[in-house]
Amino acid sequence: MSLFSSIYAERDAEIRSILTSVRCPSLQRVEEILAKSQSSVPEAPSLAELAELLQIGVTEGADEQVELLRAHTRKHWRAPSGNTLRYVSPIYVSSFCVDACPYCNFSALRKDTVRHRLSLDELDREIELVLARDARVIELVYATDPEYDTKALVRDVSRAVRAVENIEGGGVLLCTEYLPSETYQALADAGLRGIVQWDETLDEQAYNRWHSASPRKANFHARLDNHDRAMSAGLDVAHGALFGLADFRYDALMQVARARYFAEAYGRGPFVMGTARLKPIGGKELHLSTTVSDRAHENALTTYKIALPQAGRWLQTRETFEMNLRNLLDNDVFTYSCGDVQPGGYAQIKTTSIAGAQFGVNELERNYVDNELAKLGFKINYGWMSPARTLAAR
């Protein structure tokens, strides 16, 4: 099995070296970088060139460069009409967790979190409710709950697969802790199409600072190769960093390096890049030195697209709808309702308050979303999975 960990140290050293001397590029330099990627024989921007583009987001007075990047992505990936967004319905199955991530409301250390674990009847009800909303692609989401071994995960995935297997464009994704290869193979055999897993941060030192108290997540290298294990089992992957845990420039570059590694090792890259950004939990700001501003975050979104043009980005309900509207491009993933990111959220089995939610989100009404998207030439595709096994662009 090919493993990203085999090249991690090399990429880590390369990216750290790049970031020690990167400078904000001039308008002319930005135009040079973009021209290479759009030439008759396109040349993918190097990590060093991408670092220059990311630097724009943290440099005062670089407004013209910001607008040049935004105009470029809109020109190539946002038409006046006919843009399509892929919809995913996350269904939270459990909020019980043994890990102690201080930025998450499901952390085992947070004693005031209202927790719930769906029964099978409740799971079936949540699936029924999202299908009634026209959603066809379901993502089952679990905290690090020891109740869910391979047998339980296969059971849940099988139930969801049966619910969507005869619906055009339907499919099931999974978001869990890292799992062994044999579990991913069993899940693939049960009909799972892919996994969704954000890497927190791929900066090992920062990762250890955040996760050393977590029984499961403390093992950085076991988590590092998780996507490899899934891809080796025939599953597709969505990956991305949680911006704010480390230098976002480092994490964005490492995510691009990993996506390019997957394309070479497996013949396909990620089917979507995650764009999550650390947000307040329980209504409380974290005030970190690595906090990512709106400007820097949006600039990272454009850089992802320039680096990986065939991959969509998953624009999060963590962000405001207004920010998402500014940044949406054709083929992105967009979700406007997440069941309040808690088990039973669609049926309101427990509570729809922050006390039971993993983090704060901006839940929206469908009619409002459809109308606003239509003004920009977008429509939502609720059943976008093809019958072919692979989801990712080749």
Protein backbone atom coordinates (compact mmCIF):
# COMPACT_ATOMS: atom_id res chain seq x y z
CA MET A 1 0.00 0.00 0.00
CA SER A 2 1.28 3.45 -0.92
CA LEU A 3 1.23 5.84 2.06
CA PHE A 4 1.34 9.62 2.25
CA SER A 5 3.49 9.27 5.38
CA SER A 6 6.34 8.02 3.16
CA ILE A 7 6.71 11.52 1.65
CA TYR A 8 5.36 13.58 4.55
CA ALA A 9 8.75 14.55 6.01
CA GLU A 10 9.96 15.71 2.59
CA ARG A 11 6.84 17.80 1.94
CA ASP A 12 6.94 19.18 5.49
CA ALA A 13 10.52 20.40 5.09
CA GLU A 14 9.77 21.85 1.66
CA ILE A 15 6.72 23.80 2.83
CA ARG A 16 8.42 25.13 5.96
CA SER A 17 11.34 26.32 3.85
CA ILE A 18 9.00 28.03 1.39
CA LEU A 19 7.12 29.86 4.12
CA THR A 20 10.28 31.29 5.71
CA SER A 21 10.89 33.54 2.71
CA VAL A 22 7.56 33.92 0.90
CA ARG A 23 6.54 37.45 -0.07
CA CYS A 24 3.31 38.92 -1.36
CA PRO A 25 3.47 38.91 -5.17
CA SER A 26 2.96 41.98 -7.32
CA LEU A 27 0.02 42.17 -9.73
CA GLN A 28 2.35 41.27 -12.57
CA ARG A 29 3.66 38.26 -10.69
CA VAL A 30 0.11 37.05 -9.98
CA GLU A 31 -0.71 37.36 -13.66
CA GLU A 32 2.38 35.28 -14.52
CA ILE A 33 1.37 32.49 -12.15
CA LEU A 34 -2.21 32.42 -13.46
CA ALA A 35 -1.09 32.53 -17.09
CA LYS A 36 0.95 29.34 -16.63
CA SER A 37 -2.08 27.46 -15.32
CA GLN A 38 -4.24 28.59 -18.28
CA SER A 39 -1.76 28.20 -21.13
CA SER A 40 -2.34 25.82 -24.05
CA VAL A 41 -0.24 23.31 -22.14
CA PRO A 42 -1.33 24.06 -18.55
CA GLU A 43 1.31 23.91 -15.84
CA ALA A 44 0.11 23.38 -12.30
CA PRO A 45 1.39 26.08 -9.94
CA SER A 46 4.21 24.88 -7.70
CA LEU A 47 3.86 24.89 -3.93
CA ALA A 48 6.12 27.94 -3.83
CA GLU A 49 3.87 29.80 -6.28
CA LEU A 50 0.78 28.81 -4.33
CA ALA A 51 2.44 30.13 -1.16
CA GLU A 52 2.75 33.50 -2.88
CA LEU A 53 -0.97 33.48 -3.64
CA LEU A 54 -1.82 32.54 -0.05
CA GLN A 55 0.38 35.38 1.20
CA ILE A 56 -1.94 37.85 -0.50
CA GLY A 57 -4.61 37.06 2.08
CA VAL A 58 -2.44 38.19 5.00
CA THR A 59 -0.84 41.23 3.37
CA GLU A 60 -2.30 44.68 3.91
CA GLY A 61 -2.68 46.77 0.76
CA ALA A 62 -2.97 43.78 -1.58
CA ASP A 63 -6.60 44.45 -2.48
CA GLU A 64 -5.91 44.47 -6.21
CA GLN A 65 -4.27 41.05 -6.01
CA VAL A 66 -7.25 39.70 -4.05
CA GLU A 67 -9.68 40.95 -6.67
CA LEU A 68 -7.52 39.61 -9.51
CA LEU A 69 -7.66 36.10 -8.01
CA ARG A 70 -11.40 36.33 -7.42
CA ALA A 71 -12.00 37.56 -10.98
CA HIS A 72 -9.86 34.73 -12.36
CA THR A 73 -11.78 31.97 -10.55
CA ARG A 74 -15.14 33.47 -11.50
CA LYS A 75 -14.12 33.78 -15.14
CA HIS A 76 -13.15 30.12 -15.38
CA TRP A 77 -15.54 28.43 -12.90
CA ARG A 78 -18.62 30.62 -12.56
CA ALA A 79 -20.76 31.25 -15.65
CA PRO A 80 -23.68 33.71 -15.77
CA SER A 81 -25.98 30.68 -15.61
CA GLY A 82 -25.84 26.89 -15.54
CA ASN A 83 -23.62 26.50 -12.48
CA THR A 84 -24.32 23.41 -10.39
CA LEU A 85 -23.73 22.77 -6.70
CA ARG A 86 -23.59 19.28 -5.20
CA TYR A 87 -25.66 18.75 -2.07
CA VAL A 88 -24.79 16.47 0.86
CA SER A 89 -27.02 15.83 3.88
CA PRO A 90 -24.98 15.12 7.03
CA ILE A 91 -26.80 12.89 9.52
CA TYR A 92 -25.21 12.96 12.96
CA VAL A 93 -25.47 9.52 14.56
CA SER A 94 -23.64 10.02 17.88
CA SER A 95 -22.22 12.90 19.91
CA PHE A 96 -20.61 10.67 22.56
CA CYS A 97 -16.84 11.03 22.27
CA VAL A 98 -13.76 9.80 24.12
CA ASP A 99 -11.47 12.42 22.59
CA ALA A 100 -10.75 15.79 24.16
CA CYS A 101 -10.38 18.28 21.30
CA PRO A 102 -10.74 21.67 23.04
CA TYR A 103 -12.27 23.32 19.95
CA CYS A 104 -15.20 20.86 19.69
CA ASN A 105 -18.46 20.82 21.65
CA PHE A 106 -18.45 16.99 21.53
CA SER A 107 -15.18 16.87 23.51
CA ALA A 108 -15.24 14.43 26.42
CA LEU A 109 -14.08 17.30 28.64
CA ARG A 110 -17.22 19.34 27.99
CA LYS A 111 -19.63 18.22 30.69
CA ASP A 112 -22.51 20.51 29.72
CA THR A 113 -22.94 19.11 26.19
CA VAL A 114 -26.31 17.45 25.61
CA ARG A 115 -25.39 14.08 24.07
CA HIS A 116 -27.41 11.55 22.13
CA ARG A 117 -26.85 8.34 20.22
CA LEU A 118 -29.45 7.47 17.59
CA SER A 119 -31.37 4.23 17.90
CA LEU A 120 -31.89 2.31 14.68
CA ASP A 121 -35.45 3.61 14.47
CA GLU A 122 -34.21 7.16 14.96
CA LEU A 123 -31.55 6.67 12.29
CA ASP A 124 -34.18 5.41 9.86
CA ARG A 125 -36.31 8.46 10.69
CA GLU A 126 -33.45 10.87 10.03
CA ILE A 127 -32.77 9.19 6.67
CA GLU A 128 -36.46 9.36 5.80
CA LEU A 129 -36.57 13.07 6.63
CA VAL A 130 -33.57 14.05 4.51
CA LEU A 131 -34.87 12.02 1.57
CA ALA A 132 -38.20 13.83 1.91
CA ARG A 133 -36.22 17.05 1.35
CA ASP A 134 -34.98 15.68 -2.00
CA ALA A 135 -31.49 14.95 -0.69
CA ARG A 136 -29.97 11.86 -2.25
CA VAL A 137 -26.41 11.85 -0.93
CA ILE A 138 -26.15 11.09 2.79
CA GLU A 139 -23.12 11.53 5.04
CA LEU A 140 -23.25 9.57 8.31
CA VAL A 141 -21.29 11.45 11.00
CA TYR A 142 -19.93 9.97 14.23
CA ALA A 143 -17.86 11.31 17.09
CA THR A 144 -15.19 8.98 18.52
CA ASP A 145 -17.80 6.77 20.14
CA PRO A 146 -16.50 3.35 21.29
CA GLU A 147 -19.98 1.87 20.74
CA TYR A 148 -19.35 1.93 16.99
CA ASP A 149 -17.10 -0.92 15.96
CA THR A 150 -16.86 -2.36 12.44
CA LYS A 151 -20.06 -4.35 12.83
CA ALA A 152 -22.09 -1.35 13.98
CA LEU A 153 -20.72 0.93 11.25
CA VAL A 154 -21.43 -1.66 8.54
CA ARG A 155 -24.95 -2.06 9.95
CA ASP A 156 -25.64 1.69 9.78
CA VAL A 157 -24.08 2.14 6.35
CA SER A 158 -26.05 -0.82 4.99
CA ARG A 159 -29.31 0.74 6.21
CA ALA A 160 -28.50 4.04 4.53
CA VAL A 161 -27.38 2.32 1.31
CA ARG A 162 -30.65 0.37 1.12
CA ALA A 163 -32.57 3.64 1.47
CA VAL A 164 -30.83 5.33 -1.50
CA GLU A 165 -29.57 2.52 -3.74
CA ASN A 166 -32.56 2.67 -6.10
CA ILE A 167 -32.66 6.47 -6.22
CA GLU A 168 -30.90 8.09 -9.15
CA GLY A 169 -27.75 9.86 -8.03
CA GLY A 170 -27.95 8.52 -4.49
CA GLY A 171 -25.06 7.36 -2.33
CA VAL A 172 -23.63 7.19 1.17
CA LEU A 173 -20.54 8.84 2.65
CA LEU A 174 -19.02 8.38 6.10
CA CYS A 175 -17.31 10.70 8.59
CA THR A 176 -15.68 8.93 11.54
CA GLU A 177 -12.43 8.65 13.43
CA TYR A 178 -9.60 6.91 11.55
CA LEU A 179 -10.28 3.24 10.88
CA PRO A 180 -8.24 0.13 9.96
CA SER A 181 -8.00 -1.14 6.39
CA GLU A 182 -10.22 -4.15 7.04
CA THR A 183 -13.01 -1.92 8.30
CA TYR A 184 -12.84 0.25 5.19
CA GLN A 185 -12.97 -2.86 3.03
CA ALA A 186 -16.04 -4.11 4.90
CA LEU A 187 -17.70 -0.71 4.50
CA ALA A 188 -16.90 -0.63 0.78
CA ASP A 189 -18.40 -4.09 0.44
CA ALA A 190 -21.53 -2.77 2.18
CA GLY A 191 -21.90 -0.08 -0.49
CA LEU A 192 -20.15 2.91 1.04
CA ARG A 193 -18.92 5.31 -1.67
CA GLY A 194 -16.42 7.46 0.20
CA ILE A 195 -15.21 9.08 3.39
CA VAL A 196 -15.28 12.69 4.52
CA GLN A 197 -12.50 13.51 6.96
CA TRP A 198 -10.88 16.83 7.69
CA ASP A 199 -7.34 16.46 8.98
CA GLU A 200 -7.52 19.05 11.76
CA THR A 201 -3.95 20.12 10.92
CA LEU A 202 -1.09 18.30 9.20
CA ASP A 203 1.44 20.33 11.17
CA GLU A 204 2.57 17.55 13.50
CA GLN A 205 3.72 19.85 16.31
CA ALA A 206 0.49 21.84 16.26
CA TYR A 207 -1.54 18.63 15.99
CA ASN A 208 0.09 17.22 19.10
CA ARG A 209 -0.55 20.42 21.05
CA TRP A 210 -4.26 20.16 20.32
CA HIS A 211 -4.70 16.41 20.64
CA SER A 212 -2.20 15.02 23.15
CA ALA A 213 -5.01 14.53 25.70
CA SER A 214 -7.17 12.52 23.28
CA PRO A 215 -7.03 8.73 23.60
CA ARG A 216 -7.60 8.15 19.88
CA LYS A 217 -6.59 11.29 18.05
CA ALA A 218 -3.25 11.49 19.85
CA ASN A 219 -1.75 9.15 17.24
CA PHE A 220 -0.86 11.62 14.47
CA HIS A 221 0.74 9.11 12.11
CA ALA A 222 -2.13 6.62 12.30
CA ARG A 223 -4.48 9.43 11.32
CA LEU A 224 -2.07 10.72 8.66
CA ASP A 225 -2.47 7.58 6.55
CA ASN A 226 -6.20 7.17 7.04
CA HIS A 227 -7.16 8.40 3.57
CA ASP A 228 -4.67 5.96 2.05
CA ARG A 229 -6.37 3.08 3.81
CA ALA A 230 -9.76 4.20 2.53
CA MET A 231 -8.56 4.70 -1.05
CA SER A 232 -6.85 1.32 -1.05
CA ALA A 233 -10.23 -0.20 -0.22
CA GLY A 234 -11.72 1.45 -3.32
CA LEU A 235 -13.35 4.36 -1.52
CA ASP A 236 -13.11 7.97 -2.58
CA VAL A 237 -12.07 10.67 -0.14
CA ALA A 238 -12.81 14.24 0.80
CA HIS A 239 -10.04 15.87 2.78
CA GLY A 240 -9.06 19.29 4.02
CA ALA A 241 -7.65 21.10 7.01
CA LEU A 242 -9.52 22.81 9.83
CA PHE A 243 -8.12 26.30 9.35
CA GLY A 244 -7.14 27.98 12.62
CA LEU A 245 -5.30 25.19 14.42
CA ALA A 246 -1.96 26.09 12.83
CA ASP A 247 -0.60 28.41 10.16
CA PHE A 248 -3.34 28.13 7.53
CA ARG A 249 -0.79 28.66 4.75
CA TYR A 250 1.08 25.54 5.84
CA ASP A 251 -2.12 23.52 6.01
CA ALA A 252 -3.41 24.68 2.63
CA LEU A 253 -0.10 23.81 0.95
CA MET A 254 0.07 20.42 2.65
CA GLN A 255 -3.49 19.64 1.55
CA VAL A 256 -2.58 20.45 -2.04
CA ALA A 257 0.53 18.28 -1.76
CA ARG A 258 -1.56 15.44 -0.44
CA ALA A 259 -4.19 15.79 -3.19
CA ARG A 260 -1.47 15.68 -5.84
CA TYR A 261 0.04 12.63 -4.16
CA PHE A 262 -3.33 10.84 -4.29
CA ALA A 263 -3.72 11.66 -7.98
CA GLU A 264 -0.35 10.07 -8.69
CA ALA A 265 -0.68 7.10 -6.34
CA TYR A 266 -4.32 6.16 -7.05
CA GLY A 267 -5.14 7.82 -10.36
CA ARG A 268 -7.65 10.15 -8.73
CA GLY A 269 -7.62 13.06 -6.36
CA PRO A 270 -10.18 14.03 -3.72
CA PHE A 271 -13.75 14.43 -4.94
CA VAL A 272 -13.99 17.57 -2.82
CA MET A 273 -11.70 19.71 -0.68
CA GLY A 274 -12.92 20.67 2.79
CA THR A 275 -12.75 24.34 3.71
CA ALA A 276 -13.71 24.29 7.40
CA ARG A 277 -12.56 27.15 9.63
CA LEU A 278 -12.37 27.09 13.41
CA LYS A 279 -15.43 28.75 14.93
CA PRO A 280 -16.56 29.65 18.47
CA ILE A 281 -18.04 26.84 20.54
CA GLY A 282 -20.73 27.52 23.09
CA GLY A 283 -20.75 31.08 21.79
CA LYS A 284 -17.21 31.70 23.06
CA GLU A 285 -14.36 32.96 20.89
CA LEU A 286 -11.05 31.10 21.17
CA HIS A 287 -8.76 34.10 20.42
CA LEU A 288 -5.88 32.14 18.90
CA SER A 289 -2.71 33.50 17.32
CA THR A 290 -3.52 31.30 14.33
CA THR A 291 -7.04 32.69 13.83
CA VAL A 292 -7.81 33.04 10.12
CA SER A 293 -9.49 36.26 8.97
CA ASP A 294 -12.35 36.34 6.46
CA ARG A 295 -9.99 37.81 3.88
CA ALA A 296 -7.35 35.11 4.38
CA HIS A 297 -9.96 32.38 4.36
CA GLU A 298 -11.55 33.54 1.12
CA ASN A 299 -8.13 33.90 -0.47
CA ALA A 300 -7.35 30.30 0.51
CA LEU A 301 -10.57 29.19 -1.22
CA THR A 302 -9.46 30.76 -4.49
CA THR A 303 -5.98 29.29 -4.12
CA TYR A 304 -7.41 25.79 -3.64
CA LYS A 305 -9.32 26.12 -6.91
CA ILE A 306 -6.31 27.38 -8.83
CA ALA A 307 -4.18 24.55 -7.42
CA LEU A 308 -6.77 21.79 -7.93
CA PRO A 309 -9.12 22.94 -10.69
CA GLN A 310 -10.99 19.63 -11.01
CA ALA A 311 -11.84 19.39 -7.31
CA GLY A 312 -14.85 21.13 -5.86
CA ARG A 313 -14.66 22.86 -2.48
CA TRP A 314 -17.08 22.13 0.36
CA LEU A 315 -18.28 25.55 1.51
CA GLN A 316 -19.39 25.23 5.10
CA THR A 317 -22.54 26.19 7.00
CA ARG A 318 -20.06 27.34 9.65
CA GLU A 319 -19.74 30.42 7.45
CA THR A 320 -22.38 33.01 6.64
CA PHE A 321 -24.48 32.55 3.53
CA GLU A 322 -23.22 35.90 2.28
CA MET A 323 -19.60 34.72 2.41
CA ASN A 324 -20.48 31.48 0.68
CA LEU A 325 -22.33 33.32 -2.09
CA ARG A 326 -19.22 35.40 -2.78
CA ASN A 327 -17.08 32.32 -3.17
CA LEU A 328 -19.26 29.60 -4.72
CA LEU A 329 -18.01 28.14 -7.99
CA ASP A 330 -19.42 25.54 -10.35
CA ASN A 331 -19.21 21.96 -9.00
CA ASP A 332 -18.67 23.00 -5.38
CA VAL A 333 -20.41 21.16 -2.54
CA PHE A 334 -22.86 23.29 -0.61
CA THR A 335 -25.16 22.31 2.24
CA TYR A 336 -27.67 24.73 3.72
CA SER A 337 -29.19 22.45 6.37
CA CYS A 338 -27.18 20.07 8.56
CA GLY A 339 -29.73 18.96 11.13
CA ASP A 340 -28.15 21.52 13.47
CA VAL A 341 -25.01 19.29 13.50
CA GLN A 342 -26.36 17.05 16.25
CA PRO A 343 -27.95 13.59 16.46
CA GLY A 344 -31.67 13.79 15.79
CA GLY A 345 -31.42 17.33 14.49
CA TYR A 346 -33.76 16.81 11.55
CA ALA A 347 -36.48 15.32 13.77
CA GLN A 348 -35.50 17.51 16.74
CA ILE A 349 -35.28 14.41 18.92
CA LYS A 350 -33.24 16.20 21.53
CA THR A 351 -32.50 19.88 21.21
CA THR A 352 -31.72 22.37 18.48
CA SER A 353 -29.66 24.57 20.80
CA ILE A 354 -25.89 24.97 20.85
CA ALA A 355 -25.87 22.71 23.92
CA GLY A 356 -26.21 19.65 21.70
CA ALA A 357 -24.48 20.84 18.53
CA GLN A 358 -20.89 20.13 17.52
CA PHE A 359 -20.34 23.79 16.57
CA GLY A 360 -22.38 26.79 15.48
CA VAL A 361 -23.93 26.71 12.00
CA ASN A 362 -26.11 28.87 9.80
CA GLU A 363 -29.19 26.78 8.98
CA LEU A 364 -31.21 28.15 6.04
CA GLU A 365 -34.60 27.65 4.40
CA ARG A 366 -34.61 26.00 1.00
CA ASN A 367 -36.79 28.56 -0.83
CA TYR A 368 -34.59 31.42 0.28
CA VAL A 369 -31.43 29.58 -0.75
CA ASP A 370 -32.84 28.58 -4.13
CA ASN A 371 -33.89 32.14 -4.90
CA GLU A 372 -30.55 33.67 -3.93
CA LEU A 373 -28.57 31.06 -5.83
CA ALA A 374 -30.71 31.51 -8.93
CA LYS A 375 -29.82 35.21 -9.00
CA LEU A 376 -26.18 34.17 -9.43
CA GLY A 377 -26.87 31.44 -11.98
CA PHE A 378 -26.63 28.45 -9.62
CA LYS A 379 -28.87 25.48 -9.01
CA ILE A 380 -28.50 22.56 -6.60
CA ASN A 381 -28.07 18.96 -7.73
CA TYR A 382 -29.37 16.74 -4.93
CA GLY A 383 -28.53 13.44 -6.61
CA TRP A 384 -25.09 13.87 -8.12
CA MET A 385 -23.37 10.53 -7.58
CA SER A 386 -22.80 8.59 -10.76
CA PRO A 387 -23.31 4.81 -10.99
CA ALA A 388 -19.56 4.49 -11.58
CA ARG A 389 -17.55 3.56 -8.54
CA THR A 390 -15.27 6.58 -8.57
CA LEU A 391 -16.56 10.01 -7.58
CA ALA A 392 -13.36 11.98 -8.02
CA ALA A 393 -12.35 13.74 -11.20
CA ARG A 394 -9.55 11.89 -12.97
